[in-house]
C-alpha atoms as a PDB file:
ATOM      1  CA  UNK A   1       8.520   4.936  19.895  1.00  0.00           C
ATOM      2  CA  UNK A   2       5.425   6.999  18.184  1.00  0.00           C
ATOM      3  CA  UNK A   3       3.740   5.471  15.363  1.00  0.00           C
ATOM      4  CA  UNK A   4       3.744   7.664  12.208  1.00  0.00           C
ATOM      5  CA  UNK A   5       0.326   8.996  11.237  1.00  0.00           C
ATOM      6  CA  UNK A   6       0.257   7.486   7.665  1.00  0.00           C
ATOM      7  CA  UNK A   7       0.764   3.738   9.633  1.00  0.00           C
ATOM      8  CA  UNK A   8      -2.045   4.618  11.834  1.00  0.00           C
ATOM      9  CA  UNK A   9      -4.471   5.712   9.578  1.00  0.00           C
ATOM     10  CA  UNK A  10      -3.099   2.353   7.339  1.00  0.00           C
ATOM     11  CA  UNK A  11      -3.998   0.151  10.421  1.00  0.00           C
ATOM     12  CA  UNK A  12      -7.303   1.702  11.380  1.00  0.00           C
ATOM     13  CA  UNK A  13      -8.672   0.972   7.417  1.00  0.00           C
ATOM     14  CA  UNK A  14     -11.888  -1.051   6.795  1.00  0.00           C
ATOM     15  CA  UNK A  15     -12.952  -3.706   3.929  1.00  0.00           C
ATOM     16  CA  UNK A  16     -14.940  -1.375   2.102  1.00  0.00           C
ATOM     17  CA  UNK A  17     -13.728   2.383   2.558  1.00  0.00           C
ATOM     18  CA  UNK A  18     -12.924   4.397   0.127  1.00  0.00           C
ATOM     19  CA  UNK A  19      -9.565   6.381   0.482  1.00  0.00           C
ATOM     20  CA  UNK A  20      -7.234   8.836  -1.727  1.00  0.00           C
ATOM     21  CA  UNK A  21      -3.719   8.119  -1.480  1.00  0.00           C
ATOM     22  CA  UNK A  22      -1.056  10.711  -2.220  1.00  0.00           C
ATOM     23  CA  UNK A  23       2.384   9.945  -3.141  1.00  0.00           C
ATOM     24  CA  UNK A  24       5.646  12.225  -2.559  1.00  0.00           C
ATOM     25  CA  UNK A  25       6.535  11.725  -6.126  1.00  0.00           C
ATOM     26  CA  UNK A  26       2.999  13.496  -6.995  1.00  0.00           C
ATOM     27  CA  UNK A  27       0.880  10.808  -7.847  1.00  0.00           C
ATOM     28  CA  UNK A  28      -2.487  10.143  -6.507  1.00  0.00           C
ATOM     29  CA  UNK A  29      -5.058   7.780  -6.927  1.00  0.00           C
ATOM     30  CA  UNK A  30      -8.530   6.822  -5.388  1.00  0.00           C
ATOM     31  CA  UNK A  31      -9.898   3.639  -4.423  1.00  0.00           C
ATOM     32  CA  UNK A  32     -11.590   0.701  -2.157  1.00  0.00           C
ATOM     33  CA  UNK A  33     -10.126  -1.171   0.549  1.00  0.00           C
ATOM     34  CA  UNK A  34      -9.840  -4.388  -0.206  1.00  0.00           C
ATOM     35  CA  UNK A  35      -8.688  -5.767   3.098  1.00  0.00           C
ATOM     36  CA  UNK A  36      -6.241  -4.597   5.838  1.00  0.00           C
ATOM     37  CA  UNK A  37      -3.628  -6.850   7.450  1.00  0.00           C
ATOM     38  CA  UNK A  38      -1.177  -6.040  10.312  1.00  0.00           C
ATOM     39  CA  UNK A  39       1.336  -8.681  11.338  1.00  0.00           C
ATOM     40  CA  UNK A  40       3.054  -9.121  14.139  1.00  0.00           C
ATOM     41  CA  UNK A  41       6.021 -10.959  13.463  1.00  0.00           C
ATOM     42  CA  UNK A  42       7.090 -13.748  16.521  1.00  0.00           C
ATOM     43  CA  UNK A  43      10.676 -13.950  15.222  1.00  0.00           C
ATOM     44  CA  UNK A  44      12.174 -11.083  15.726  1.00  0.00           C
ATOM     45  CA  UNK A  45       9.545 -10.236  18.158  1.00  0.00           C
ATOM     46  CA  UNK A  46       9.731  -6.084  17.173  1.00  0.00           C
ATOM     47  CA  UNK A  47       8.324  -6.500  13.637  1.00  0.00           C
ATOM     48  CA  UNK A  48       5.762  -5.565  12.633  1.00  0.00           C
ATOM     49  CA  UNK A  49       4.035  -4.922   8.879  1.00  0.00           C
ATOM     50  CA  UNK A  50       0.909  -3.213   8.218  1.00  0.00           C
ATOM     51  CA  UNK A  51      -0.300  -4.030   4.341  1.00  0.00           C
ATOM     52  CA  UNK A  52      -3.744  -2.437   2.795  1.00  0.00           C
ATOM     53  CA  UNK A  53      -5.105  -3.686  -0.507  1.00  0.00           C
ATOM     54  CA  UNK A  54      -6.341  -0.848  -2.437  1.00  0.00           C
ATOM     55  CA  UNK A  55      -8.771  -1.600  -5.452  1.00  0.00           C
ATOM     56  CA  UNK A  56      -8.622   0.581  -8.102  1.00  0.00           C
ATOM     57  CA  UNK A  57     -10.621   1.214 -11.438  1.00  0.00           C
ATOM     58  CA  UNK A  58      -9.495   0.640 -14.750  1.00  0.00           C
ATOM     59  CA  UNK A  59      -8.682   4.243 -15.774  1.00  0.00           C
ATOM     60  CA  UNK A  60      -6.327   4.341 -12.494  1.00  0.00           C
ATOM     61  CA  UNK A  61      -4.350   1.079 -13.121  1.00  0.00           C
ATOM     62  CA  UNK A  62      -3.480   2.313 -16.710  1.00  0.00           C
ATOM     63  CA  UNK A  63      -2.537   5.895 -15.623  1.00  0.00           C
ATOM     64  CA  UNK A  64      -0.530   4.327 -12.920  1.00  0.00           C
ATOM     65  CA  UNK A  65       0.838   1.619 -15.071  1.00  0.00           C
ATOM     66  CA  UNK A  66      -0.259  -1.818 -13.494  1.00  0.00           C
ATOM     67  CA  UNK A  67      -1.495  -4.787 -14.857  1.00  0.00           C
ATOM     68  CA  UNK A  68      -3.781  -5.560 -12.497  1.00  0.00           C
ATOM     69  CA  UNK A  69      -6.820  -3.347 -10.614  1.00  0.00           C
ATOM     70  CA  UNK A  70      -5.454  -3.495  -7.363  1.00  0.00           C
ATOM     71  CA  UNK A  71      -2.381  -2.070  -5.505  1.00  0.00           C
ATOM     72  CA  UNK A  72      -0.362  -3.138  -1.781  1.00  0.00           C
ATOM     73  CA  UNK A  73       0.413   0.058   0.485  1.00  0.00           C
ATOM     74  CA  UNK A  74       2.531  -1.207   3.206  1.00  0.00           C
ATOM     75  CA  UNK A  75       4.963  -0.468   5.772  1.00  0.00           C
ATOM     76  CA  UNK A  76       7.391  -2.644   8.094  1.00  0.00           C
ATOM     77  CA  UNK A  77       8.539  -2.148  11.850  1.00  0.00           C
ATOM     78  CA  UNK A  78      11.661  -3.290  12.941  1.00  0.00           C
ATOM     79  CA  UNK A  79      14.023  -2.525  15.724  1.00  0.00           C
ATOM     80  CA  UNK A  80      15.440   0.902  14.117  1.00  0.00           C
ATOM     81  CA  UNK A  81      11.549   2.150  13.720  1.00  0.00           C
ATOM     82  CA  UNK A  82       8.811   2.389  11.089  1.00  0.00           C
ATOM     83  CA  UNK A  83       9.602   2.237   7.157  1.00  0.00           C
ATOM     84  CA  UNK A  84       7.850   4.882   4.934  1.00  0.00           C
ATOM     85  CA  UNK A  85       4.625   3.551   3.833  1.00  0.00           C
ATOM     86  CA  UNK A  86       4.756   2.873   0.134  1.00  0.00           C
ATOM     87  CA  UNK A  87       2.780   1.769  -3.025  1.00  0.00           C
ATOM     88  CA  UNK A  88       3.741  -1.220  -4.977  1.00  0.00           C
ATOM     89  CA  UNK A  89       2.816  -1.730  -8.724  1.00  0.00           C
ATOM     90  CA  UNK A  90       3.172  -4.642 -11.558  1.00  0.00           C
ATOM     91  CA  UNK A  91       3.803  -2.611 -14.232  1.00  0.00           C
ATOM     92  CA  UNK A  92       4.096  -5.530 -16.775  1.00  0.00           C
ATOM     93  CA  UNK A  93       3.209  -9.270 -17.104  1.00  0.00           C
ATOM     94  CA  UNK A  94       6.005 -11.674 -17.124  1.00  0.00           C
ATOM     95  CA  UNK A  95       4.979 -14.391 -19.519  1.00  0.00           C
ATOM     96  CA  UNK A  96       7.876 -16.801 -19.029  1.00  0.00           C
ATOM     97  CA  UNK A  97       7.495 -16.673 -15.275  1.00  0.00           C
ATOM     98  CA  UNK A  98       3.809 -16.345 -14.626  1.00  0.00           C
ATOM     99  CA  UNK A  99       3.257 -13.623 -12.518  1.00  0.00           C
ATOM    100  CA  UNK A 100       3.844  -9.699 -12.825  1.00  0.00           C
ATOM    101  CA  UNK A 101       6.781  -8.437 -10.284  1.00  0.00           C
ATOM    102  CA  UNK A 102       6.111  -5.809  -8.198  1.00  0.00           C
ATOM    103  CA  UNK A 103       7.781  -2.470  -8.399  1.00  0.00           C
ATOM    104  CA  UNK A 104       7.992   0.558  -5.721  1.00  0.00           C
ATOM    105  CA  UNK A 105       5.552   2.950  -7.423  1.00  0.00           C
ATOM    106  CA  UNK A 106       6.434   6.023  -4.494  1.00  0.00           C
ATOM    107  CA  UNK A 107       6.476   6.568  -0.682  1.00  0.00           C
ATOM    108  CA  UNK A 108       2.829   7.598   0.767  1.00  0.00           C
ATOM    109  CA  UNK A 109       2.998  11.440   1.531  1.00  0.00           C
ATOM    110  CA  UNK A 110      -0.808  10.941   2.771  1.00  0.00           C
ATOM    111  CA  UNK A 111      -3.777   8.394   3.191  1.00  0.00           C
ATOM    112  CA  UNK A 112      -7.238   9.805   3.835  1.00  0.00           C
ATOM    113  CA  UNK A 113     -10.923   8.312   3.958  1.00  0.00           C
ATOM    114  CA  UNK A 114     -13.253   9.751   1.473  1.00  0.00           C
ATOM    115  CA  UNK A 115     -16.393  10.716   2.508  1.00  0.00           C
END
């Protein structure tokens, strides 16, 4: 089973690299990789997860409607194959729960390094 190009790019990103993320719904933003996590789940053994946390500036956070200045870009592999890589955001802080719940911002069309 081939690994999609977007997933390969996600897994190869390193802390401090500048990236441009383009979503299929037309949203685009630049940021800096804070961390890249590639995990292999022991059970079930075929499940894998790639998550890249991208730091964004205050203007970008306002534009994409998130309360924090970072967003996770994630994809998962199950027996049936890889999911689409998605970007999540936290549009509002819930005072009662003491956290900001995640919502999907969109599906990644492309993620590229900025030179």
